Amino acid sequence: MDFKNLALFKMAQTKLDWTAQRQTLLAENVANADTPKYKVKDLRRPDFKKMATDAYSNIPEQAITQPGHVRATLTDTGPFQVDTPRQTYETSIDGNKVVLEEQIEQVSRNKSEYNMALSLIQKNMQMLKTALGRGSA
């Protein structure tokens, strides 16, 4: 069984990929804190509610022959879209819109989100191994 196709793992992997790409953008924002007219960039947050709904609504009923069967896989979500936030807290005289304190706070949140997604994958893998009799309880 390929766990990468399970909806829960696909969503957690998407979250990991999103946070990794976002970390790169946040680092770029910090690196350009003194660049004149630099505009802050951020990623559009994936719609996980829609992903979960789509995973369970796109499966034909005849595909499920037993109640215990795995129901869903997700389609590819593609690359994440980069946005320029419309409103910033302040702009410097040279037109730079990077606020270092704001960026550092976002880096910290991003790390927490990455750790949460990673923990979710680890716990679910442990649960599946236990269910298959290959792990310790």
N, C-alpha and C. Protein backbone atom coordinates (compact mmCIF):
# COMPACT_ATOMS: atom_id res chain seq x y z
N MET A 1 0.84 -1.18 0.00
CA MET A 1 0.00 0.00 0.00
C MET A 1 0.89 1.24 0.00
N ASP A 2 0.55 2.17 -0.85
CA ASP A 2 1.30 3.42 -0.94
C ASP A 2 0.62 4.46 -0.05
N PHE A 3 1.24 4.77 1.09
CA PHE A 3 0.64 5.70 2.04
C PHE A 3 0.58 7.13 1.50
N LYS A 4 1.40 7.43 0.50
CA LYS A 4 1.40 8.78 -0.07
C LYS A 4 0.08 9.13 -0.72
N ASN A 5 -0.71 8.11 -1.12
CA ASN A 5 -1.98 8.37 -1.77
C ASN A 5 -3.15 8.48 -0.81
N LEU A 6 -2.93 8.22 0.45
CA LEU A 6 -3.99 8.39 1.44
C LEU A 6 -4.23 9.88 1.67
N ALA A 7 -5.48 10.26 1.80
CA ALA A 7 -5.84 11.68 1.91
C ALA A 7 -5.12 12.38 3.06
N LEU A 8 -5.07 11.74 4.20
CA LEU A 8 -4.45 12.36 5.37
C LEU A 8 -2.96 12.60 5.15
N PHE A 9 -2.28 11.63 4.59
CA PHE A 9 -0.85 11.78 4.33
C PHE A 9 -0.58 12.78 3.22
N LYS A 10 -1.43 12.79 2.21
CA LYS A 10 -1.28 13.75 1.11
C LYS A 10 -1.45 15.18 1.63
N MET A 11 -2.42 15.39 2.51
CA MET A 11 -2.64 16.72 3.07
C MET A 11 -1.48 17.13 3.97
N ALA A 12 -0.97 16.21 4.77
CA ALA A 12 0.16 16.52 5.64
C ALA A 12 1.40 16.82 4.81
N GLN A 13 1.60 16.06 3.72
CA GLN A 13 2.75 16.31 2.85
C GLN A 13 2.61 17.67 2.17
N THR A 14 1.39 18.02 1.78
CA THR A 14 1.15 19.34 1.19
C THR A 14 1.50 20.44 2.18
N LYS A 15 1.12 20.23 3.44
CA LYS A 15 1.45 21.20 4.49
C LYS A 15 2.95 21.33 4.66
N LEU A 16 3.67 20.20 4.65
CA LEU A 16 5.13 20.23 4.76
C LEU A 16 5.75 20.99 3.58
N ASP A 17 5.27 20.70 2.37
CA ASP A 17 5.80 21.37 1.18
C ASP A 17 5.51 22.86 1.22
N TRP A 18 4.29 23.20 1.66
CA TRP A 18 3.90 24.61 1.74
C TRP A 18 4.78 25.36 2.74
N THR A 19 4.99 24.78 3.91
CA THR A 19 5.81 25.46 4.91
C THR A 19 7.26 25.58 4.46
N ALA A 20 7.77 24.58 3.74
CA ALA A 20 9.14 24.66 3.24
C ALA A 20 9.28 25.78 2.21
N GLN A 21 8.32 25.86 1.29
CA GLN A 21 8.37 26.93 0.29
C GLN A 21 8.16 28.29 0.94
N ARG A 22 7.29 28.35 1.95
CA ARG A 22 7.05 29.62 2.64
C ARG A 22 8.28 30.08 3.40
N GLN A 23 9.02 29.13 3.99
CA GLN A 23 10.24 29.47 4.71
C GLN A 23 11.23 30.15 3.78
N THR A 24 11.32 29.69 2.55
CA THR A 24 12.22 30.29 1.56
C THR A 24 11.80 31.74 1.28
N LEU A 25 10.50 31.96 1.11
CA LEU A 25 10.01 33.32 0.85
C LEU A 25 10.23 34.24 2.04
N LEU A 26 9.99 33.74 3.24
CA LEU A 26 10.19 34.56 4.43
C LEU A 26 11.66 34.92 4.59
N ALA A 27 12.55 33.98 4.29
CA ALA A 27 13.98 34.27 4.36
C ALA A 27 14.36 35.32 3.31
N GLU A 28 13.75 35.25 2.15
CA GLU A 28 13.99 36.24 1.10
C GLU A 28 13.51 37.63 1.56
N ASN A 29 12.36 37.66 2.23
CA ASN A 29 11.86 38.94 2.76
C ASN A 29 12.85 39.54 3.75
N VAL A 30 13.37 38.72 4.66
CA VAL A 30 14.32 39.20 5.66
C VAL A 30 15.61 39.66 4.98
N ALA A 31 16.06 38.89 3.99
CA ALA A 31 17.30 39.25 3.30
C ALA A 31 17.19 40.57 2.54
N ASN A 32 15.98 40.91 2.13
CA ASN A 32 15.78 42.15 1.37
C ASN A 32 15.21 43.28 2.22
N ALA A 33 15.42 43.21 3.52
CA ALA A 33 14.86 44.21 4.43
C ALA A 33 15.39 45.61 4.14
N ASP A 34 16.55 45.73 3.52
CA ASP A 34 17.12 47.04 3.21
C ASP A 34 17.09 47.36 1.71
N THR A 35 16.43 46.55 0.91
CA THR A 35 16.36 46.79 -0.52
C THR A 35 15.27 47.82 -0.81
N PRO A 36 15.62 48.91 -1.49
CA PRO A 36 14.60 49.94 -1.78
C PRO A 36 13.45 49.39 -2.61
N LYS A 37 12.24 49.77 -2.25
CA LYS A 37 10.98 49.43 -2.94
C LYS A 37 10.69 47.92 -2.98
N TYR A 38 11.33 47.16 -2.11
CA TYR A 38 11.05 45.72 -2.05
C TYR A 38 9.68 45.51 -1.42
N LYS A 39 8.87 44.65 -2.02
CA LYS A 39 7.54 44.33 -1.48
C LYS A 39 7.58 42.95 -0.84
N VAL A 40 6.96 42.84 0.31
CA VAL A 40 6.88 41.59 1.05
C VAL A 40 6.12 40.55 0.23
N LYS A 41 6.59 39.31 0.26
CA LYS A 41 5.92 38.21 -0.43
C LYS A 41 5.51 37.16 0.59
N ASP A 42 4.44 36.48 0.30
CA ASP A 42 3.99 35.38 1.14
C ASP A 42 3.25 34.39 0.25
N LEU A 43 3.00 33.19 0.75
CA LEU A 43 2.28 32.18 -0.01
C LEU A 43 0.81 32.19 0.34
N ARG A 44 0.00 31.91 -0.64
CA ARG A 44 -1.42 31.71 -0.39
C ARG A 44 -1.58 30.38 0.33
N ARG A 45 -2.30 30.39 1.42
CA ARG A 45 -2.50 29.19 2.25
C ARG A 45 -3.37 28.19 1.49
N PRO A 46 -2.95 26.92 1.43
CA PRO A 46 -3.77 25.90 0.76
C PRO A 46 -5.11 25.74 1.47
N ASP A 47 -6.14 25.43 0.72
CA ASP A 47 -7.48 25.24 1.28
C ASP A 47 -7.65 23.77 1.65
N PHE A 48 -7.25 23.43 2.90
CA PHE A 48 -7.29 22.05 3.33
C PHE A 48 -8.72 21.54 3.50
N LYS A 49 -9.64 22.41 3.82
CA LYS A 49 -11.04 21.99 3.94
C LYS A 49 -11.56 21.53 2.59
N LYS A 50 -11.23 22.28 1.55
CA LYS A 50 -11.65 21.90 0.19
C LYS A 50 -10.97 20.60 -0.24
N MET A 51 -9.68 20.45 0.11
CA MET A 51 -8.97 19.23 -0.24
C MET A 51 -9.63 18.01 0.41
N ALA A 52 -10.00 18.14 1.66
CA ALA A 52 -10.63 17.03 2.38
C ALA A 52 -12.01 16.72 1.80
N THR A 53 -12.76 17.75 1.49
CA THR A 53 -14.10 17.56 0.91
C THR A 53 -13.99 16.90 -0.46
N ASP A 54 -13.07 17.39 -1.28
CA ASP A 54 -12.88 16.82 -2.62
C ASP A 54 -12.43 15.37 -2.56
N ALA A 55 -11.60 15.04 -1.58
CA ALA A 55 -11.09 13.68 -1.47
C ALA A 55 -12.22 12.67 -1.27
N TYR A 56 -13.24 13.07 -0.56
CA TYR A 56 -14.33 12.15 -0.27
C TYR A 56 -15.51 12.30 -1.21
N SER A 57 -15.60 13.38 -1.96
CA SER A 57 -16.74 13.55 -2.85
C SER A 57 -16.46 13.08 -4.27
N ASN A 58 -15.20 12.91 -4.66
CA ASN A 58 -14.87 12.52 -6.03
C ASN A 58 -14.76 11.01 -6.23
N ILE A 59 -15.11 10.24 -5.25
CA ILE A 59 -14.98 8.79 -5.35
C ILE A 59 -16.34 8.19 -5.68
N PRO A 60 -16.41 7.41 -6.76
CA PRO A 60 -17.69 6.77 -7.09
C PRO A 60 -18.09 5.77 -6.02
N GLU A 61 -19.36 5.64 -5.79
CA GLU A 61 -19.85 4.75 -4.73
C GLU A 61 -19.46 3.30 -4.97
N GLN A 62 -19.44 2.84 -6.24
CA GLN A 62 -19.11 1.45 -6.49
C GLN A 62 -17.66 1.10 -6.16
N ALA A 63 -16.80 2.12 -5.94
CA ALA A 63 -15.40 1.86 -5.60
C ALA A 63 -15.26 1.32 -4.19
N ILE A 64 -16.28 1.46 -3.38
CA ILE A 64 -16.21 1.01 -1.98
C ILE A 64 -17.02 -0.26 -1.85
N THR A 65 -16.31 -1.36 -1.63
CA THR A 65 -16.99 -2.64 -1.53
C THR A 65 -17.15 -3.11 -0.09
N GLN A 66 -16.35 -2.56 0.81
CA GLN A 66 -16.44 -2.91 2.21
C GLN A 66 -16.30 -1.64 3.03
N PRO A 67 -16.99 -1.52 4.16
CA PRO A 67 -16.91 -0.30 4.96
C PRO A 67 -15.50 0.01 5.47
N GLY A 68 -14.65 -0.99 5.60
CA GLY A 68 -13.31 -0.77 6.13
C GLY A 68 -12.28 -0.37 5.08
N HIS A 69 -12.69 -0.31 3.82
CA HIS A 69 -11.73 0.04 2.77
C HIS A 69 -11.33 1.51 2.86
N VAL A 70 -10.12 1.79 2.40
CA VAL A 70 -9.65 3.17 2.34
C VAL A 70 -10.44 3.88 1.25
N ARG A 71 -10.96 5.07 1.57
CA ARG A 71 -11.85 5.75 0.64
C ARG A 71 -11.16 6.68 -0.35
N ALA A 72 -10.18 7.45 0.07
CA ALA A 72 -9.86 8.59 -0.77
C ALA A 72 -8.38 8.76 -1.05
N THR A 73 -8.12 9.34 -2.20
CA THR A 73 -6.80 9.88 -2.54
C THR A 73 -7.04 11.28 -3.06
N LEU A 74 -6.01 12.10 -3.00
CA LEU A 74 -6.12 13.48 -3.47
C LEU A 74 -5.40 13.65 -4.79
N THR A 75 -5.88 14.58 -5.59
CA THR A 75 -5.20 14.91 -6.84
C THR A 75 -4.06 15.87 -6.54
N ASP A 76 -3.16 16.03 -7.51
CA ASP A 76 -2.05 16.95 -7.32
C ASP A 76 -2.56 18.37 -7.13
N THR A 77 -1.97 19.08 -6.18
CA THR A 77 -2.40 20.44 -5.89
C THR A 77 -1.60 21.47 -6.68
N GLY A 78 -0.48 21.07 -7.27
CA GLY A 78 0.32 22.00 -8.05
C GLY A 78 1.14 22.91 -7.16
N PRO A 79 1.88 23.82 -7.77
CA PRO A 79 2.71 24.73 -6.98
C PRO A 79 1.85 25.72 -6.20
N PHE A 80 2.41 26.23 -5.15
CA PHE A 80 1.70 27.18 -4.32
C PHE A 80 1.85 28.57 -4.91
N GLN A 81 0.81 29.35 -4.83
CA GLN A 81 0.80 30.68 -5.42
C GLN A 81 1.40 31.71 -4.48
N VAL A 82 2.27 32.53 -5.02
CA VAL A 82 2.91 33.59 -4.24
C VAL A 82 2.02 34.83 -4.30
N ASP A 83 1.78 35.42 -3.15
CA ASP A 83 0.99 36.64 -3.05
C ASP A 83 1.83 37.77 -2.49
N THR A 84 1.43 38.98 -2.81
CA THR A 84 2.00 40.16 -2.17
C THR A 84 0.90 40.70 -1.27
N PRO A 85 1.09 40.61 0.05
CA PRO A 85 0.05 41.12 0.95
C PRO A 85 -0.26 42.58 0.65
N ARG A 86 -1.53 42.93 0.68
CA ARG A 86 -1.95 44.28 0.33
C ARG A 86 -1.61 45.30 1.40
N GLN A 87 -1.67 44.88 2.64
CA GLN A 87 -1.50 45.83 3.72
C GLN A 87 -0.31 45.43 4.59
N THR A 88 0.57 46.38 4.84
CA THR A 88 1.68 46.13 5.74
C THR A 88 1.58 47.12 6.88
N TYR A 89 2.32 46.84 7.94
CA TYR A 89 2.25 47.70 9.11
C TYR A 89 2.96 49.03 8.90
N GLU A 90 4.02 49.00 8.13
CA GLU A 90 4.77 50.23 7.91
C GLU A 90 5.57 50.12 6.61
N THR A 91 5.94 51.24 6.08
CA THR A 91 6.78 51.31 4.89
C THR A 91 7.91 52.28 5.18
N SER A 92 9.13 51.89 4.81
CA SER A 92 10.27 52.77 5.06
C SER A 92 10.29 53.90 4.03
N ILE A 93 11.16 54.86 4.23
CA ILE A 93 11.27 56.02 3.36
C ILE A 93 11.61 55.60 1.93
N ASP A 94 12.42 54.55 1.78
CA ASP A 94 12.81 54.11 0.44
C ASP A 94 11.77 53.19 -0.22
N GLY A 95 10.60 53.02 0.40
CA GLY A 95 9.52 52.23 -0.18
C GLY A 95 9.55 50.76 0.19
N ASN A 96 10.49 50.33 1.00
CA ASN A 96 10.59 48.95 1.43
C ASN A 96 9.49 48.65 2.44
N LYS A 97 8.78 47.54 2.22
CA LYS A 97 7.65 47.21 3.09
C LYS A 97 7.94 46.04 4.04
N VAL A 98 9.20 45.68 4.20
CA VAL A 98 9.55 44.57 5.09
C VAL A 98 9.66 45.07 6.52
N VAL A 99 8.92 44.44 7.41
CA VAL A 99 9.00 44.72 8.85
C VAL A 99 9.65 43.48 9.46
N LEU A 100 10.90 43.63 9.90
CA LEU A 100 11.65 42.46 10.38
C LEU A 100 10.95 41.72 11.51
N GLU A 101 10.38 42.45 12.45
CA GLU A 101 9.71 41.80 13.58
C GLU A 101 8.55 40.92 13.08
N GLU A 102 7.82 41.44 12.12
CA GLU A 102 6.69 40.70 11.55
C GLU A 102 7.19 39.44 10.84
N GLN A 103 8.27 39.55 10.09
CA GLN A 103 8.81 38.42 9.35
C GLN A 103 9.35 37.35 10.29
N ILE A 104 10.03 37.76 11.35
CA ILE A 104 10.57 36.79 12.32
C ILE A 104 9.42 36.06 13.02
N GLU A 105 8.35 36.77 13.33
CA GLU A 105 7.19 36.15 13.95
C GLU A 105 6.57 35.13 12.99
N GLN A 106 6.51 35.45 11.71
CA GLN A 106 5.95 34.52 10.72
C GLN A 106 6.85 33.30 10.54
N VAL A 107 8.17 33.50 10.61
CA VAL A 107 9.11 32.37 10.53
C VAL A 107 8.86 31.42 11.70
N SER A 108 8.65 31.95 12.88
CA SER A 108 8.40 31.14 14.06
C SER A 108 7.09 30.35 13.92
N ARG A 109 6.04 31.01 13.45
CA ARG A 109 4.76 30.32 13.22
C ARG A 109 4.90 29.24 12.17
N ASN A 110 5.64 29.56 11.12
CA ASN A 110 5.84 28.61 10.03
C ASN A 110 6.54 27.35 10.54
N LYS A 111 7.52 27.52 11.40
CA LYS A 111 8.24 26.37 11.97
C LYS A 111 7.29 25.51 12.81
N SER A 112 6.41 26.17 13.56
CA SER A 112 5.44 25.42 14.37
C SER A 112 4.48 24.63 13.49
N GLU A 113 4.04 25.22 12.39
CA GLU A 113 3.14 24.53 11.47
C GLU A 113 3.85 23.34 10.82
N TYR A 114 5.11 23.51 10.46
CA TYR A 114 5.89 22.42 9.88
C TYR A 114 6.01 21.27 10.88
N ASN A 115 6.37 21.60 12.13
CA ASN A 115 6.51 20.57 13.16
C ASN A 115 5.19 19.85 13.42
N MET A 116 4.07 20.57 13.37
CA MET A 116 2.78 19.94 13.58
C MET A 116 2.47 18.95 12.46
N ALA A 117 2.71 19.33 11.21
CA ALA A 117 2.46 18.44 10.08
C ALA A 117 3.36 17.21 10.14
N LEU A 118 4.60 17.41 10.49
CA LEU A 118 5.54 16.29 10.62
C LEU A 118 5.11 15.34 11.73
N SER A 119 4.68 15.88 12.85
CA SER A 119 4.21 15.07 13.96
C SER A 119 2.96 14.28 13.56
N LEU A 120 2.08 14.89 12.79
CA LEU A 120 0.87 14.22 12.32
C LEU A 120 1.23 13.01 11.46
N ILE A 121 2.18 13.17 10.57
CA ILE A 121 2.61 12.06 9.73
C ILE A 121 3.22 10.95 10.58
N GLN A 122 4.09 11.32 11.51
CA GLN A 122 4.75 10.32 12.35
C GLN A 122 3.75 9.54 13.20
N LYS A 123 2.79 10.23 13.80
CA LYS A 123 1.81 9.57 14.66
C LYS A 123 0.90 8.65 13.85
N ASN A 124 0.52 9.08 12.65
CA ASN A 124 -0.34 8.23 11.84
C ASN A 124 0.40 7.02 11.29
N MET A 125 1.69 7.18 10.98
CA MET A 125 2.48 6.03 10.56
C MET A 125 2.60 5.04 11.72
N GLN A 126 2.82 5.55 12.90
CA GLN A 126 2.91 4.69 14.10
C GLN A 126 1.58 3.97 14.32
N MET A 127 0.46 4.67 14.14
CA MET A 127 -0.86 4.07 14.32
C MET A 127 -1.08 2.94 13.30
N LEU A 128 -0.71 3.20 12.03
CA LEU A 128 -0.90 2.18 11.00
C LEU A 128 0.00 0.96 11.25
N LYS A 129 1.23 1.20 11.69
CA LYS A 129 2.12 0.08 12.01
C LYS A 129 1.57 -0.75 13.16
N THR A 130 1.01 -0.08 14.16
CA THR A 130 0.41 -0.79 15.30
C THR A 130 -0.79 -1.61 14.83
N ALA A 131 -1.60 -1.01 13.96
CA ALA A 131 -2.78 -1.72 13.46
C ALA A 131 -2.39 -2.95 12.63
N LEU A 132 -1.25 -2.86 11.96
CA LEU A 132 -0.78 -3.99 11.15
C LEU A 132 0.02 -4.99 11.97
N GLY A 133 0.23 -4.68 13.24
CA GLY A 133 0.97 -5.58 14.11
C GLY A 133 2.49 -5.48 13.95
N ARG A 134 2.95 -4.38 13.38
CA ARG A 134 4.39 -4.23 13.14
C ARG A 134 5.04 -3.19 14.06
N GLY A 135 4.25 -2.58 14.88
CA GLY A 135 4.80 -1.54 15.75
C GLY A 135 4.49 -1.84 17.19
N SER A 136 5.07 -1.07 18.05
CA SER A 136 4.79 -1.24 19.48
C SER A 136 3.71 -0.27 19.89
N ALA A 137 2.86 -0.68 20.79
CA ALA A 137 1.75 0.16 21.22
C ALA A 137 2.18 1.23 22.15
